PDB file of N, CA and C in Angstrom:
ATOM      1  N   MET A   1      26.399  38.264  53.548  1.00  0.00           N
ATOM      2  CA  MET A   1      26.891  37.564  52.447  1.00  0.00           C
ATOM      3  C   MET A   1      26.791  36.071  52.601  1.00  0.00           C
ATOM      4  N   ASN A   2      27.057  35.559  53.781  1.00  0.00           N
ATOM      5  CA  ASN A   2      26.909  34.165  54.122  1.00  0.00           C
ATOM      6  C   ASN A   2      25.503  33.709  53.922  1.00  0.00           C
ATOM      7  N   ILE A   3      24.578  34.477  54.231  1.00  0.00           N
ATOM      8  CA  ILE A   3      23.139  34.168  54.081  1.00  0.00           C
ATOM      9  C   ILE A   3      22.807  34.024  52.567  1.00  0.00           C
ATOM     10  N   ASN A   4      23.336  34.937  51.761  1.00  0.00           N
ATOM     11  CA  ASN A   4      23.117  34.900  50.341  1.00  0.00           C
ATOM     12  C   ASN A   4      23.698  33.647  49.714  1.00  0.00           C
ATOM     13  N   LEU A   5      24.855  33.267  50.161  1.00  0.00           N
ATOM     14  CA  LEU A   5      25.508  32.082  49.641  1.00  0.00           C
ATOM     15  C   LEU A   5      24.727  30.837  50.073  1.00  0.00           C
ATOM     16  N   THR A   6      24.222  30.814  51.244  1.00  0.00           N
ATOM     17  CA  THR A   6      23.408  29.675  51.746  1.00  0.00           C
ATOM     18  C   THR A   6      22.113  29.575  50.971  1.00  0.00           C
ATOM     19  N   GLU A   7      21.501  30.719  50.684  1.00  0.00           N
ATOM     20  CA  GLU A   7      20.290  30.720  49.937  1.00  0.00           C
ATOM     21  C   GLU A   7      20.535  30.231  48.509  1.00  0.00           C
ATOM     22  N   GLU A   8      21.680  30.707  47.897  1.00  0.00           N
ATOM     23  CA  GLU A   8      22.048  30.296  46.608  1.00  0.00           C
ATOM     24  C   GLU A   8      22.313  28.797  46.522  1.00  0.00           C
ATOM     25  N   ARG A   9      23.049  28.324  47.572  1.00  0.00           N
ATOM     26  CA  ARG A   9      23.342  26.886  47.639  1.00  0.00           C
ATOM     27  C   ARG A   9      22.045  26.075  47.721  1.00  0.00           C
ATOM     28  N   ASP A  10      21.161  26.523  48.574  1.00  0.00           N
ATOM     29  CA  ASP A  10      19.897  25.787  48.749  1.00  0.00           C
ATOM     30  C   ASP A  10      19.054  25.803  47.447  1.00  0.00           C
ATOM     31  N   GLY A  11      19.107  26.928  46.742  1.00  0.00           N
ATOM     32  CA  GLY A  11      18.392  27.023  45.453  1.00  0.00           C
ATOM     33  C   GLY A  11      19.003  26.139  44.458  1.00  0.00           C
ATOM     34  N   LEU A  12      20.400  26.064  44.422  1.00  0.00           N
ATOM     35  CA  LEU A  12      21.043  25.165  43.531  1.00  0.00           C
ATOM     36  C   LEU A  12      20.781  23.678  43.850  1.00  0.00           C
ATOM     37  N   LYS A  13      20.663  23.356  45.106  1.00  0.00           N
ATOM     38  CA  LYS A  13      20.308  21.986  45.587  1.00  0.00           C
ATOM     39  C   LYS A  13      18.946  21.618  45.038  1.00  0.00           C
ATOM     40  N   ILE A  14      18.027  22.538  45.155  1.00  0.00           N
ATOM     41  CA  ILE A  14      16.626  22.297  44.688  1.00  0.00           C
ATOM     42  C   ILE A  14      16.672  22.147  43.126  1.00  0.00           C
ATOM     43  N   LYS A  15      17.369  23.057  42.523  1.00  0.00           N
ATOM     44  CA  LYS A  15      17.471  22.983  41.046  1.00  0.00           C
ATOM     45  C   LYS A  15      18.108  21.659  40.618  1.00  0.00           C
ATOM     46  N   ASN A  16      19.181  21.254  41.322  1.00  0.00           N
ATOM     47  CA  ASN A  16      19.872  19.976  41.050  1.00  0.00           C
ATOM     48  C   ASN A  16      18.924  18.790  41.257  1.00  0.00           C
ATOM     49  N   LYS A  17      18.138  18.871  42.332  1.00  0.00           N
ATOM     50  CA  LYS A  17      17.187  17.768  42.613  1.00  0.00           C
ATOM     51  C   LYS A  17      16.121  17.752  41.483  1.00  0.00           C
ATOM     52  N   ASN A  18      15.630  18.896  41.057  1.00  0.00           N
ATOM     53  CA  ASN A  18      14.649  18.938  40.033  1.00  0.00           C
ATOM     54  C   ASN A  18      15.189  18.372  38.661  1.00  0.00           C
ATOM     55  N   LEU A  19      16.457  18.775  38.417  1.00  0.00           N
ATOM     56  CA  LEU A  19      17.123  18.291  37.193  1.00  0.00           C
ATOM     57  C   LEU A  19      17.312  16.782  37.241  1.00  0.00           C
ATOM     58  N   ALA A  20      17.662  16.266  38.446  1.00  0.00           N
ATOM     59  CA  ALA A  20      17.821  14.821  38.628  1.00  0.00           C
ATOM     60  C   ALA A  20      16.494  14.128  38.370  1.00  0.00           C
ATOM     61  N   ASN A  21      15.423  14.676  38.898  1.00  0.00           N
ATOM     62  CA  ASN A  21      14.051  14.083  38.662  1.00  0.00           C
ATOM     63  C   ASN A  21      13.684  14.143  37.182  1.00  0.00           C
ATOM     64  N   GLU A  22      13.994  15.230  36.575  1.00  0.00           N
ATOM     65  CA  GLU A  22      13.733  15.394  35.159  1.00  0.00           C
ATOM     66  C   GLU A  22      14.515  14.363  34.349  1.00  0.00           C
ATOM     67  N   ARG A  23      15.800  14.206  34.718  1.00  0.00           N
ATOM     68  CA  ARG A  23      16.638  13.201  34.046  1.00  0.00           C
ATOM     69  C   ARG A  23      16.079  11.835  34.207  1.00  0.00           C
ATOM     70  N   ASN A  24      15.656  11.516  35.398  1.00  0.00           N
ATOM     71  CA  ASN A  24      15.066  10.166  35.681  1.00  0.00           C
ATOM     72  C   ASN A  24      13.863   9.928  34.858  1.00  0.00           C
ATOM     73  N   GLN A  25      13.000  10.951  34.714  1.00  0.00           N
ATOM     74  CA  GLN A  25      11.799  10.845  33.892  1.00  0.00           C
ATOM     75  C   GLN A  25      12.175  10.622  32.417  1.00  0.00           C
ATOM     76  N   LEU A  26      13.176  11.392  31.973  1.00  0.00           N
ATOM     77  CA  LEU A  26      13.630  11.224  30.603  1.00  0.00           C
ATOM     78  C   LEU A  26      14.206   9.785  30.383  1.00  0.00           C
ATOM     79  N   LEU A  27      14.971   9.281  31.339  1.00  0.00           N
ATOM     80  CA  LEU A  27      15.465   7.914  31.271  1.00  0.00           C
ATOM     81  C   LEU A  27      14.354   6.874  31.176  1.00  0.00           C
ATOM     82  N   THR A  28      13.305   7.118  31.993  1.00  0.00           N
ATOM     83  CA  THR A  28      12.176   6.287  31.997  1.00  0.00           C
ATOM     84  C   THR A  28      11.445   6.361  30.648  1.00  0.00           C
ATOM     85  N   ASN A  29      11.328   7.571  30.118  1.00  0.00           N
ATOM     86  CA  ASN A  29      10.690   7.738  28.797  1.00  0.00           C
ATOM     87  C   ASN A  29      11.555   7.011  27.693  1.00  0.00           C
ATOM     88  N   ILE A  30      12.903   7.134  27.817  1.00  0.00           N
ATOM     89  CA  ILE A  30      13.744   6.452  26.847  1.00  0.00           C
ATOM     90  C   ILE A  30      13.561   4.967  26.925  1.00  0.00           C
ATOM     91  N   THR A  31      13.514   4.406  28.190  1.00  0.00           N
ATOM     92  CA  THR A  31      13.272   2.978  28.357  1.00  0.00           C
ATOM     93  C   THR A  31      11.943   2.547  27.740  1.00  0.00           C
ATOM     94  N   ASN A  32      10.896   3.291  28.038  1.00  0.00           N
ATOM     95  CA  ASN A  32       9.549   2.963  27.529  1.00  0.00           C
ATOM     96  C   ASN A  32       9.535   3.034  25.992  1.00  0.00           C
ATOM     97  N   LEU A  33      10.168   4.009  25.429  1.00  0.00           N
ATOM     98  CA  LEU A  33      10.182   4.173  23.985  1.00  0.00           C
ATOM     99  C   LEU A  33      11.069   3.060  23.352  1.00  0.00           C
ATOM    100  N   SER A  34      12.128   2.635  24.028  1.00  0.00           N
ATOM    101  CA  SER A  34      12.944   1.577  23.529  1.00  0.00           C
ATOM    102  C   SER A  34      12.171   0.266  23.477  1.00  0.00           C
ATOM    103  N   GLU A  35      11.408   0.068  24.547  1.00  0.00           N
ATOM    104  CA  GLU A  35      10.573  -1.207  24.670  1.00  0.00           C
ATOM    105  C   GLU A  35       9.478  -1.142  23.578  1.00  0.00           C
ATOM    106  N   GLU A  36       8.882   0.028  23.346  1.00  0.00           N
ATOM    107  CA  GLU A  36       7.863   0.156  22.318  1.00  0.00           C
ATOM    108  C   GLU A  36       8.470  -0.080  20.951  1.00  0.00           C
ATOM    109  N   ARG A  37       9.679   0.486  20.726  1.00  0.00           N
ATOM    110  CA  ARG A  37      10.388   0.314  19.450  1.00  0.00           C
ATOM    111  C   ARG A  37      10.701  -1.151  19.178  1.00  0.00           C
ATOM    112  N   ASP A  38      11.141  -1.892  20.252  1.00  0.00           N
ATOM    113  CA  ASP A  38      11.460  -3.270  20.126  1.00  0.00           C
ATOM    114  C   ASP A  38      10.194  -4.088  19.781  1.00  0.00           C
ATOM    115  N   GLY A  39       9.119  -3.713  20.434  1.00  0.00           N
ATOM    116  CA  GLY A  39       7.841  -4.410  20.165  1.00  0.00           C
ATOM    117  C   GLY A  39       7.397  -4.137  18.756  1.00  0.00           C
ATOM    118  N   LEU A  40       7.569  -2.881  18.240  1.00  0.00           N
ATOM    119  CA  LEU A  40       7.198  -2.581  16.887  1.00  0.00           C
ATOM    120  C   LEU A  40       8.036  -3.284  15.888  1.00  0.00           C
ATOM    121  N   LYS A  41       9.357  -3.463  16.228  1.00  0.00           N
ATOM    122  CA  LYS A  41      10.234  -4.212  15.370  1.00  0.00           C
ATOM    123  C   LYS A  41       9.797  -5.666  15.218  1.00  0.00           C
ATOM    124  N   ILE A  42       9.409  -6.282  16.334  1.00  0.00           N
ATOM    125  CA  ILE A  42       8.895  -7.647  16.343  1.00  0.00           C
ATOM    126  C   ILE A  42       7.600  -7.729  15.537  1.00  0.00           C
ATOM    127  N   LYS A  43       6.687  -6.764  15.759  1.00  0.00           N
ATOM    128  CA  LYS A  43       5.422  -6.793  15.020  1.00  0.00           C
ATOM    129  C   LYS A  43       5.699  -6.616  13.533  1.00  0.00           C
ATOM    130  N   ASN A  44       6.609  -5.711  13.157  1.00  0.00           N
ATOM    131  CA  ASN A  44       6.982  -5.502  11.760  1.00  0.00           C
ATOM    132  C   ASN A  44       7.560  -6.781  11.123  1.00  0.00           C
ATOM    133  N   LYS A  45       8.387  -7.449  11.902  1.00  0.00           N
ATOM    134  CA  LYS A  45       8.977  -8.736  11.413  1.00  0.00           C
ATOM    135  C   LYS A  45       7.878  -9.802  11.152  1.00  0.00           C
ATOM    136  N   ASN A  46       6.972  -9.891  12.100  1.00  0.00           N
ATOM    137  CA  ASN A  46       5.883 -10.830  11.969  1.00  0.00           C
ATOM    138  C   ASN A  46       4.974 -10.445  10.803  1.00  0.00           C
ATOM    139  N   LEU A  47       4.654  -9.193  10.640  1.00  0.00           N
ATOM    140  CA  LEU A  47       3.842  -8.727   9.522  1.00  0.00           C
ATOM    141  C   LEU A  47       4.485  -8.971   8.167  1.00  0.00           C
ATOM    142  N   THR A  48       5.800  -8.773   8.120  1.00  0.00           N
ATOM    143  CA  THR A  48       6.601  -9.001   6.915  1.00  0.00           C
ATOM    144  C   THR A  48       6.531 -10.482   6.571  1.00  0.00           C
ATOM    145  N   SER A  49       6.715 -11.354   7.583  1.00  0.00           N
ATOM    146  CA  SER A  49       6.634 -12.770   7.344  1.00  0.00           C
ATOM    147  C   SER A  49       5.277 -13.188   6.832  1.00  0.00           C
ATOM    148  N   GLU A  50       4.203 -12.633   7.484  1.00  0.00           N
ATOM    149  CA  GLU A  50       2.854 -12.948   7.061  1.00  0.00           C
ATOM    150  C   GLU A  50       2.597 -12.469   5.629  1.00  0.00           C
ATOM    151  N   ARG A  51       3.111 -11.280   5.239  1.00  0.00           N
ATOM    152  CA  ARG A  51       2.987 -10.760   3.923  1.00  0.00           C
ATOM    153  C   ARG A  51       3.650 -11.661   2.900  1.00  0.00           C
ATOM    154  N   ASP A  52       4.849 -12.116   3.244  1.00  0.00           N
ATOM    155  CA  ASP A  52       5.614 -13.006   2.351  1.00  0.00           C
ATOM    156  C   ASP A  52       4.852 -14.313   2.138  1.00  0.00           C
ATOM    157  N   GLN A  53       4.256 -14.851   3.221  1.00  0.00           N
ATOM    158  CA  GLN A  53       3.443 -16.065   3.107  1.00  0.00           C
ATOM    159  C   GLN A  53       2.230 -15.842   2.205  1.00  0.00           C
ATOM    160  N   LEU A  54       1.599 -14.683   2.374  1.00  0.00           N
ATOM    161  CA  LEU A  54       0.407 -14.379   1.584  1.00  0.00           C
ATOM    162  C   LEU A  54       0.797 -14.196   0.108  1.00  0.00           C
ATOM    163  N   LEU A  55       1.931 -13.578  -0.133  1.00  0.00           N
ATOM    164  CA  LEU A  55       2.363 -13.422  -1.498  1.00  0.00           C
ATOM    165  C   LEU A  55       2.650 -14.735  -2.164  1.00  0.00           C
ATOM    166  N   ASN A  56       3.302 -15.678  -1.407  1.00  0.00           N
ATOM    167  CA  ASN A  56       3.540 -16.991  -1.932  1.00  0.00           C
ATOM    168  C   ASN A  56       2.223 -17.789  -2.165  1.00  0.00           C
ATOM    169  N   LYS A  57       1.268 -17.614  -1.263  1.00  0.00           N
ATOM    170  CA  LYS A  57       0.000 -18.256  -1.419  1.00  0.00           C
ATOM    171  C   LYS A  57      -0.715 -17.731  -2.611  1.00  0.00           C
ATOM    172  N   ASN A  58      -0.662 -16.365  -2.798  1.00  0.00           N
ATOM    173  CA  ASN A  58      -1.256 -15.723  -3.934  1.00  0.00           C
ATOM    174  C   ASN A  58      -0.643 -16.255  -5.251  1.00  0.00           C
ATOM    175  N   LYS A  59       0.729 -16.412  -5.250  1.00  0.00           N
ATOM    176  CA  LYS A  59       1.407 -16.908  -6.422  1.00  0.00           C
ATOM    177  C   LYS A  59       0.940 -18.307  -6.753  1.00  0.00           C
ATOM    178  N   ASP A  60       0.844 -19.185  -5.716  1.00  0.00           N
ATOM    179  CA  ASP A  60       0.333 -20.523  -5.915  1.00  0.00           C
ATOM    180  C   ASP A  60      -1.044 -20.586  -6.417  1.00  0.00           C
ATOM    181  N   LEU A  61      -1.922 -19.758  -5.841  1.00  0.00           N
ATOM    182  CA  LEU A  61      -3.322 -19.712  -6.249  1.00  0.00           C
ATOM    183  C   LEU A  61      -3.497 -19.175  -7.696  1.00  0.00           C
ATOM    184  N   THR A  62      -2.631 -18.210  -8.051  1.00  0.00           N
ATOM    185  CA  THR A  62      -2.700 -17.699  -9.434  1.00  0.00           C
ATOM    186  C   THR A  62      -2.199 -18.779 -10.414  1.00  0.00           C
ATOM    187  N   LYS A  63      -1.221 -19.501 -10.074  1.00  0.00           N
ATOM    188  CA  LYS A  63      -0.779 -20.594 -10.906  1.00  0.00           C
ATOM    189  C   LYS A  63      -1.849 -21.638 -11.052  1.00  0.00           C
ATOM    190  N   GLU A  64      -2.465 -22.023  -9.927  1.00  0.00           N
ATOM    191  CA  GLU A  64      -3.563 -22.984  -9.964  1.00  0.00           C
ATOM    192  C   GLU A  64      -4.759 -22.511 -10.786  1.00  0.00           C
ATOM    193  N   ARG A  65      -5.102 -21.222 -10.670  1.00  0.00           N
ATOM    194  CA  ARG A  65      -6.161 -20.644 -11.479  1.00  0.00           C
ATOM    195  C   ARG A  65      -5.840 -20.685 -12.907  1.00  0.00           C
ATOM    196  N   ASP A  66      -4.595 -20.368 -13.296  1.00  0.00           N
ATOM    197  CA  ASP A  66      -4.178 -20.421 -14.687  1.00  0.00           C
ATOM    198  C   ASP A  66      -4.216 -21.829 -15.256  1.00  0.00           C
ATOM    199  N   GLU A  67      -3.806 -22.856 -14.502  1.00  0.00           N
ATOM    200  CA  GLU A  67      -3.905 -24.234 -14.866  1.00  0.00           C
ATOM    201  C   GLU A  67      -5.358 -24.681 -15.068  1.00  0.00           C
ATOM    202  N   LEU A  68      -6.243 -24.257 -14.142  1.00  0.00           N
ATOM    203  CA  LEU A  68      -7.647 -24.623 -14.206  1.00  0.00           C
ATOM    204  C   LEU A  68      -8.262 -23.914 -15.425  1.00  0.00           C
ATOM    205  N   THR A  69      -7.883 -22.659 -15.739  1.00  0.00           N
ATOM    206  CA  THR A  69      -8.438 -21.946 -16.881  1.00  0.00           C
ATOM    207  C   THR A  69      -7.994 -22.746 -18.165  1.00  0.00           C
ATOM    208  N   LYS A  70      -6.748 -23.151 -18.171  1.00  0.00           N
ATOM    209  CA  LYS A  70      -6.234 -23.896 -19.329  1.00  0.00           C
ATOM    210  C   LYS A  70      -7.049 -25.193 -19.526  1.00  0.00           C
ATOM    211  N   GLU A  71      -7.250 -25.935 -18.422  1.00  0.00           N
ATOM    212  CA  GLU A  71      -8.046 -27.183 -18.455  1.00  0.00           C
ATOM    213  C   GLU A  71      -9.423 -26.853 -18.974  1.00  0.00           C
ATOM    214  N   ARG A  72     -10.050 -25.839 -18.379  1.00  0.00           N
ATOM    215  CA  ARG A  72     -11.394 -25.464 -18.797  1.00  0.00           C
ATOM    216  C   ARG A  72     -11.479 -25.234 -20.279  1.00  0.00           C
ATOM    217  N   ASP A  73     -10.487 -24.505 -20.858  1.00  0.00           N
ATOM    218  CA  ASP A  73     -10.486 -24.181 -22.228  1.00  0.00           C
ATOM    219  C   ASP A  73     -10.302 -25.480 -23.041  1.00  0.00           C
ATOM    220  N   GLN A  74      -9.532 -26.381 -22.543  1.00  0.00           N
ATOM    221  CA  GLN A  74      -9.337 -27.678 -23.281  1.00  0.00           C
ATOM    222  C   GLN A  74     -10.630 -28.469 -23.257  1.00  0.00           C
ATOM    223  N   PHE A  75     -11.259 -28.480 -22.107  1.00  0.00           N
ATOM    224  CA  PHE A  75     -12.577 -29.194 -21.990  1.00  0.00           C
ATOM    225  C   PHE A  75     -13.585 -28.502 -22.917  1.00  0.00           C
ATOM    226  N   SER A  76     -13.641 -27.210 -22.954  1.00  0.00           N
ATOM    227  CA  SER A  76     -14.559 -26.493 -23.831  1.00  0.00           C
ATOM    228  C   SER A  76     -14.311 -26.876 -25.336  1.00  0.00           C
ATOM    229  N   GLN A  77     -13.067 -26.936 -25.695  1.00  0.00           N
ATOM    230  CA  GLN A  77     -12.716 -27.364 -27.087  1.00  0.00           C
ATOM    231  C   GLN A  77     -13.178 -28.757 -27.337  1.00  0.00           C
ATOM    232  N   GLU A  78     -12.895 -29.627 -26.375  1.00  0.00           N
ATOM    233  CA  GLU A  78     -13.378 -31.060 -26.546  1.00  0.00           C
ATOM    234  C   GLU A  78     -14.871 -31.143 -26.597  1.00  0.00           C
ATOM    235  N   ARG A  79     -15.546 -30.390 -25.733  1.00  0.00           N
ATOM    236  CA  ARG A  79     -16.988 -30.413 -25.722  1.00  0.00           C
ATOM    237  C   ARG A  79     -17.535 -29.931 -27.054  1.00  0.00           C
ATOM    238  N   ASN A  80     -16.917 -28.810 -27.510  1.00  0.00           N
ATOM    239  CA  ASN A  80     -17.411 -28.281 -28.849  1.00  0.00           C
ATOM    240  C   ASN A  80     -17.146 -29.273 -29.953  1.00  0.00           C
ATOM    241  N   GLY A  81     -16.057 -29.976 -29.915  1.00  0.00           N
ATOM    242  CA  GLY A  81     -15.808 -30.991 -30.912  1.00  0.00           C
ATOM    243  C   GLY A  81     -16.851 -32.151 -30.839  1.00  0.00           C
ATOM    244  N   LEU A  82     -17.165 -32.559 -29.586  1.00  0.00           N
ATOM    245  CA  LEU A  82     -18.173 -33.636 -29.455  1.00  0.00           C
ATOM    246  C   LEU A  82     -19.524 -33.127 -29.916  1.00  0.00           C
ATOM    247  N   ARG A  83     -19.863 -31.888 -29.600  1.00  0.00           N
ATOM    248  CA  ARG A  83     -21.175 -31.338 -30.046  1.00  0.00           C
ATOM    249  C   ARG A  83     -21.162 -31.355 -31.576  1.00  0.00           C
ATOM    250  N   LYS A  84     -20.064 -30.940 -32.182  1.00  0.00           N
ATOM    251  CA  LYS A  84     -20.029 -30.912 -33.648  1.00  0.00           C
ATOM    252  C   LYS A  84     -20.232 -32.298 -34.194  1.00  0.00           C
ATOM    253  N   MET A  85     -19.548 -33.291 -33.618  1.00  0.00           N
ATOM    254  CA  MET A  85     -19.731 -34.657 -34.057  1.00  0.00           C
ATOM    255  C   MET A  85     -21.159 -35.099 -33.900  1.00  0.00           C
ATOM    256  N   ILE A  86     -21.771 -34.778 -32.777  1.00  0.00           N
ATOM    257  CA  ILE A  86     -23.177 -35.190 -32.522  1.00  0.00           C
ATOM    258  C   ILE A  86     -24.093 -34.481 -33.536  1.00  0.00           C
ATOM    259  N   ASN A  87     -23.803 -33.188 -33.798  1.00  0.00           N
ATOM    260  CA  ASN A  87     -24.656 -32.478 -34.737  1.00  0.00           C
ATOM    261  C   ASN A  87     -24.538 -33.082 -36.118  1.00  0.00           C
ATOM    262  N   GLU A  88     -23.360 -33.585 -36.463  1.00  0.00           N
ATOM    263  CA  GLU A  88     -23.185 -34.247 -37.786  1.00  0.00           C
ATOM    264  C   GLU A  88     -23.881 -35.611 -37.804  1.00  0.00           C
ATOM    265  N   MET A  89     -24.065 -36.153 -36.659  1.00  0.00           N
ATOM    266  CA  MET A  89     -24.711 -37.467 -36.568  1.00  0.00           C
ATOM    267  C   MET A  89     -26.143 -37.370 -36.104  1.00  0.00           C
ATOM    268  N   ASP A  90     -26.750 -36.206 -36.012  1.00  0.00           N
ATOM    269  CA  ASP A  90     -28.099 -36.083 -35.438  1.00  0.00           C
ATOM    270  C   ASP A  90     -29.145 -36.944 -36.085  1.00  0.00           C
ATOM    271  N   GLU A  91     -28.920 -37.407 -37.293  1.00  0.00           N
ATOM    272  CA  GLU A  91     -29.963 -38.291 -37.868  1.00  0.00           C
ATOM    273  C   GLU A  91     -29.928 -39.644 -37.235  1.00  0.00           C
ATOM    274  N   TYR A  92     -28.920 -39.936 -36.442  1.00  0.00           N
ATOM    275  CA  TYR A  92     -28.813 -41.236 -35.797  1.00  0.00           C
ATOM    276  C   TYR A  92     -29.145 -41.137 -34.299  1.00  0.00           C
ATOM    277  N   ILE A  93     -29.539 -39.936 -33.837  1.00  0.00           N
ATOM    278  CA  ILE A  93     -29.864 -39.764 -32.433  1.00  0.00           C
ATOM    279  C   ILE A  93     -31.369 -39.925 -32.248  1.00  0.00           C
ATOM    280  N   TYR A  94     -31.731 -40.725 -31.261  1.00  0.00           N
ATOM    281  CA  TYR A  94     -33.170 -40.867 -30.932  1.00  0.00           C
ATOM    282  C   TYR A  94     -33.263 -41.007 -29.444  1.00  0.00           C
ATOM    283  N   GLN A  95     -34.040 -40.094 -28.813  1.00  0.00           N
ATOM    284  CA  GLN A  95     -34.232 -40.058 -27.395  1.00  0.00           C
ATOM    285  C   GLN A  95     -32.924 -40.181 -26.636  1.00  0.00           C
ATOM    286  N   SER A  96     -31.923 -39.353 -26.968  1.00  0.00           N
ATOM    287  CA  SER A  96     -30.614 -39.212 -26.314  1.00  0.00           C
ATOM    288  C   SER A  96     -29.815 -40.472 -26.475  1.00  0.00           C
ATOM    289  N   SER A  97     -30.114 -41.398 -27.413  1.00  0.00           N
ATOM    290  CA  SER A  97     -29.307 -42.514 -27.684  1.00  0.00           C
ATOM    291  C   SER A  97     -28.781 -42.429 -29.064  1.00  0.00           C
ATOM    292  N   LEU A  98     -27.562 -42.941 -29.317  1.00  0.00           N
ATOM    293  CA  LEU A  98     -26.960 -42.927 -30.631  1.00  0.00           C
ATOM    294  C   LEU A  98     -27.221 -44.266 -31.309  1.00  0.00           C
ATOM    295  N   TYR A  99     -27.574 -44.273 -32.565  1.00  0.00           N
ATOM    296  CA  TYR A  99     -27.846 -45.470 -33.326  1.00  0.00           C
ATOM    297  C   TYR A  99     -27.012 -45.395 -34.593  1.00  0.00           C
ATOM    298  N   LEU A 100     -26.447 -46.532 -34.983  1.00  0.00           N
ATOM    299  CA  LEU A 100     -25.674 -46.641 -36.183  1.00  0.00           C
ATOM    300  C   LEU A 100     -26.497 -47.508 -37.158  1.00  0.00           C
ATOM    301  N   ILE A 101     -26.810 -46.932 -38.251  1.00  0.00           N
ATOM    302  CA  ILE A 101     -27.557 -47.706 -39.244  1.00  0.00           C
ATOM    303  C   ILE A 101     -26.538 -48.161 -40.270  1.00  0.00           C
ATOM    304  N   SER A 102     -26.369 -49.439 -40.344  1.00  0.00           N
ATOM    305  CA  SER A 102     -25.366 -50.077 -41.184  1.00  0.00           C
ATOM    306  C   SER A 102     -26.027 -50.879 -42.293  1.00  0.00           C
ATOM    307  N   SER A 103     -25.343 -50.949 -43.414  1.00  0.00           N
ATOM    308  CA  SER A 103     -25.828 -51.768 -44.491  1.00  0.00           C
ATOM    309  C   SER A 103     -25.406 -53.232 -44.333  1.00  0.00           C
ATOM    310  N   GLU A 104     -24.456 -53.509 -43.393  1.00  0.00           N
ATOM    311  CA  GLU A 104     -23.994 -54.834 -43.163  1.00  0.00           C
ATOM    312  C   GLU A 104     -25.064 -55.608 -42.415  1.00  0.00           C
ATOM    313  N   LYS A 105     -25.180 -56.879 -42.668  1.00  0.00           N
ATOM    314  CA  LYS A 105     -26.150 -57.714 -41.941  1.00  0.00           C
ATOM    315  C   LYS A 105     -25.375 -58.533 -40.947  1.00  0.00           C
ATOM    316  N   LYS A 106     -25.784 -58.434 -39.678  1.00  0.00           N
ATOM    317  CA  LYS A 106     -25.147 -59.186 -38.567  1.00  0.00           C
ATOM    318  C   LYS A 106     -26.314 -59.578 -37.617  1.00  0.00           C
ATOM    319  N   ASN A 107     -26.012 -60.629 -36.871  1.00  0.00           N
ATOM    320  CA  ASN A 107     -27.033 -60.972 -35.845  1.00  0.00           C
ATOM    321  C   ASN A 107     -26.836 -60.058 -34.616  1.00  0.00           C
ATOM    322  N   TRP A 108     -27.707 -60.203 -33.660  1.00  0.00           N
ATOM    323  CA  TRP A 108     -27.697 -59.313 -32.525  1.00  0.00           C
ATOM    324  C   TRP A 108     -26.358 -59.346 -31.746  1.00  0.00           C
ATOM    325  N   ALA A 109     -25.860 -60.504 -31.479  1.00  0.00           N
ATOM    326  CA  ALA A 109     -24.617 -60.641 -30.725  1.00  0.00           C
ATOM    327  C   ALA A 109     -23.438 -60.016 -31.467  1.00  0.00           C
ATOM    328  N   GLU A 110     -23.334 -60.273 -32.741  1.00  0.00           N
ATOM    329  CA  GLU A 110     -22.263 -59.674 -33.553  1.00  0.00           C
ATOM    330  C   GLU A 110     -22.362 -58.168 -33.593  1.00  0.00           C
ATOM    331  N   SER A 111     -23.573 -57.679 -33.808  1.00  0.00           N
ATOM    332  CA  SER A 111     -23.805 -56.227 -33.850  1.00  0.00           C
ATOM    333  C   SER A 111     -23.485 -55.562 -32.522  1.00  0.00           C
ATOM    334  N   ARG A 112     -23.852 -56.213 -31.475  1.00  0.00           N
ATOM    335  CA  ARG A 112     -23.538 -55.623 -30.098  1.00  0.00           C
ATOM    336  C   ARG A 112     -22.056 -55.604 -29.895  1.00  0.00           C
ATOM    337  N   ARG A 113     -21.328 -56.736 -30.191  1.00  0.00           N
ATOM    338  CA  ARG A 113     -19.923 -56.808 -30.012  1.00  0.00           C
ATOM    339  C   ARG A 113     -19.239 -55.687 -30.881  1.00  0.00           C
ATOM    340  N   TYR A 114     -19.652 -55.460 -32.110  1.00  0.00           N
ATOM    341  CA  TYR A 114     -19.144 -54.478 -32.970  1.00  0.00           C
ATOM    342  C   TYR A 114     -19.293 -53.069 -32.386  1.00  0.00           C
ATOM    343  N   CYS A 115     -20.468 -52.779 -31.827  1.00  0.00           N
ATOM    344  CA  CYS A 115     -20.736 -51.486 -31.220  1.00  0.00           C
ATOM    345  C   CYS A 115     -19.874 -51.294 -29.995  1.00  0.00           C
ATOM    346  N   THR A 116     -19.795 -52.339 -29.177  1.00  0.00           N
ATOM    347  CA  THR A 116     -18.990 -52.276 -27.952  1.00  0.00           C
ATOM    348  C   THR A 116     -17.513 -51.998 -28.240  1.00  0.00           C
ATOM    349  N   GLU A 117     -17.029 -52.665 -29.253  1.00  0.00           N
ATOM    350  CA  GLU A 117     -15.620 -52.438 -29.583  1.00  0.00           C
ATOM    351  C   GLU A 117     -15.381 -51.059 -30.161  1.00  0.00           C
TER     352      GLU A 117
END
């Protein structure tokens, strides 16, 4: 009976040692997973910050695009108005220069000053 108890005790010691090793491995796994989790939290925080910056930049670029589109439309309207004016005056255009034919008689200097003004 003493031998059986000794064998049982030795078996329990081995089992206890194995359980202690398993516990240590689990603690190591927990530590590694905690470190990985903390790293992922930091990465998530950085990615969230980067996303927010990109969203703000996108918002600014969208606003800039809309302003440029508005300016382009205004320039198009102005260009079309100028084209219409030129088309109405095409009888006074010669080789890409505009000429005003007037019934008033002026000398060269007076005519030049009048056109300049």
